């Protein structure tokens, strides 16, 4: 595994964890579809940001 992709994966995981924690703290009684969509969107956004912060060095 390349260093850039490992950093991106760690950043994405941390970003998703923080976003989901904040979302569940703010709206504790949300339904499943909303939680899954928030998690998916945060993974997409976290991956894009992580790719910019930790580019693959080839």
C-alpha atoms as a PDB file:
ATOM      1  CA  UNK A   1       0.000   0.000   0.000  1.00  0.00           C
ATOM      2  CA  UNK A   2       1.374   3.389  -0.963  1.00  0.00           C
ATOM      3  CA  UNK A   3       1.855   6.074   1.659  1.00  0.00           C
ATOM      4  CA  UNK A   4      -0.536   8.475  -0.055  1.00  0.00           C
ATOM      5  CA  UNK A   5      -3.376   5.990  -0.199  1.00  0.00           C
ATOM      6  CA  UNK A   6      -2.812   4.916   3.414  1.00  0.00           C
ATOM      7  CA  UNK A   7      -2.938   8.531   4.599  1.00  0.00           C
ATOM      8  CA  UNK A   8      -6.045   9.155   2.523  1.00  0.00           C
ATOM      9  CA  UNK A   9      -7.768   6.083   3.976  1.00  0.00           C
ATOM     10  CA  UNK A  10      -6.920   7.066   7.555  1.00  0.00           C
ATOM     11  CA  UNK A  11      -8.090  10.631   6.985  1.00  0.00           C
ATOM     12  CA  UNK A  12     -11.318   9.440   5.361  1.00  0.00           C
ATOM     13  CA  UNK A  13     -12.063   7.086   8.248  1.00  0.00           C
ATOM     14  CA  UNK A  14     -11.433   9.779  10.837  1.00  0.00           C
ATOM     15  CA  UNK A  15     -13.517  12.293   8.867  1.00  0.00           C
ATOM     16  CA  UNK A  16     -16.448   9.873   8.579  1.00  0.00           C
ATOM     17  CA  UNK A  17     -16.232   9.038  12.280  1.00  0.00           C
ATOM     18  CA  UNK A  18     -16.292  12.678  13.325  1.00  0.00           C
ATOM     19  CA  UNK A  19     -19.146  13.596  10.968  1.00  0.00           C
ATOM     20  CA  UNK A  20     -21.286  10.622  12.031  1.00  0.00           C
ATOM     21  CA  UNK A  21     -20.617  11.335  15.715  1.00  0.00           C
ATOM     22  CA  UNK A  22     -21.622  14.987  15.325  1.00  0.00           C
ATOM     23  CA  UNK A  23     -24.692  14.063  13.278  1.00  0.00           C
ATOM     24  CA  UNK A  24     -25.865  11.534  15.873  1.00  0.00           C
ATOM     25  CA  UNK A  25     -25.177  14.029  18.668  1.00  0.00           C
ATOM     26  CA  UNK A  26     -27.202  16.789  16.985  1.00  0.00           C
ATOM     27  CA  UNK A  27     -30.052  14.572  15.674  1.00  0.00           C
ATOM     28  CA  UNK A  28     -30.200  11.442  17.854  1.00  0.00           C
ATOM     29  CA  UNK A  29     -33.575  10.169  16.568  1.00  0.00           C
ATOM     30  CA  UNK A  30     -32.918  10.173  12.829  1.00  0.00           C
ATOM     31  CA  UNK A  31     -34.022   7.328  10.588  1.00  0.00           C
ATOM     32  CA  UNK A  32     -31.768   4.745   8.930  1.00  0.00           C
ATOM     33  CA  UNK A  33     -31.889   6.186   5.409  1.00  0.00           C
ATOM     34  CA  UNK A  34     -30.747   9.599   6.636  1.00  0.00           C
ATOM     35  CA  UNK A  35     -27.884   8.095   8.637  1.00  0.00           C
ATOM     36  CA  UNK A  36     -26.706   5.957   5.717  1.00  0.00           C
ATOM     37  CA  UNK A  37     -26.866   8.877   3.290  1.00  0.00           C
ATOM     38  CA  UNK A  38     -24.932  11.155   5.680  1.00  0.00           C
ATOM     39  CA  UNK A  39     -22.305   8.431   6.128  1.00  0.00           C
ATOM     40  CA  UNK A  40     -21.971   7.923   2.373  1.00  0.00           C
ATOM     41  CA  UNK A  41     -21.706  11.625   1.648  1.00  0.00           C
ATOM     42  CA  UNK A  42     -19.127  12.129   4.383  1.00  0.00           C
ATOM     43  CA  UNK A  43     -17.082   9.205   3.001  1.00  0.00           C
ATOM     44  CA  UNK A  44     -17.185  10.746  -0.475  1.00  0.00           C
ATOM     45  CA  UNK A  45     -16.236  14.209   0.768  1.00  0.00           C
ATOM     46  CA  UNK A  46     -13.585  12.818   3.123  1.00  0.00           C
ATOM     47  CA  UNK A  47     -12.083  10.798   0.285  1.00  0.00           C
ATOM     48  CA  UNK A  48     -11.893  13.846  -1.954  1.00  0.00           C
ATOM     49  CA  UNK A  49     -10.286  15.963   0.770  1.00  0.00           C
ATOM     50  CA  UNK A  50      -7.919  13.131   1.733  1.00  0.00           C
ATOM     51  CA  UNK A  51      -6.873  12.698  -1.879  1.00  0.00           C
ATOM     52  CA  UNK A  52      -5.976  16.392  -2.046  1.00  0.00           C
ATOM     53  CA  UNK A  53      -4.064  16.296   1.261  1.00  0.00           C
ATOM     54  CA  UNK A  54      -2.269  12.981   0.603  1.00  0.00           C
ATOM     55  CA  UNK A  55      -1.702  12.615  -3.154  1.00  0.00           C
ATOM     56  CA  UNK A  56      -0.328   9.332  -4.523  1.00  0.00           C
ATOM     57  CA  UNK A  57       3.365   9.699  -5.263  1.00  0.00           C
ATOM     58  CA  UNK A  58       4.177   7.674  -8.373  1.00  0.00           C
END
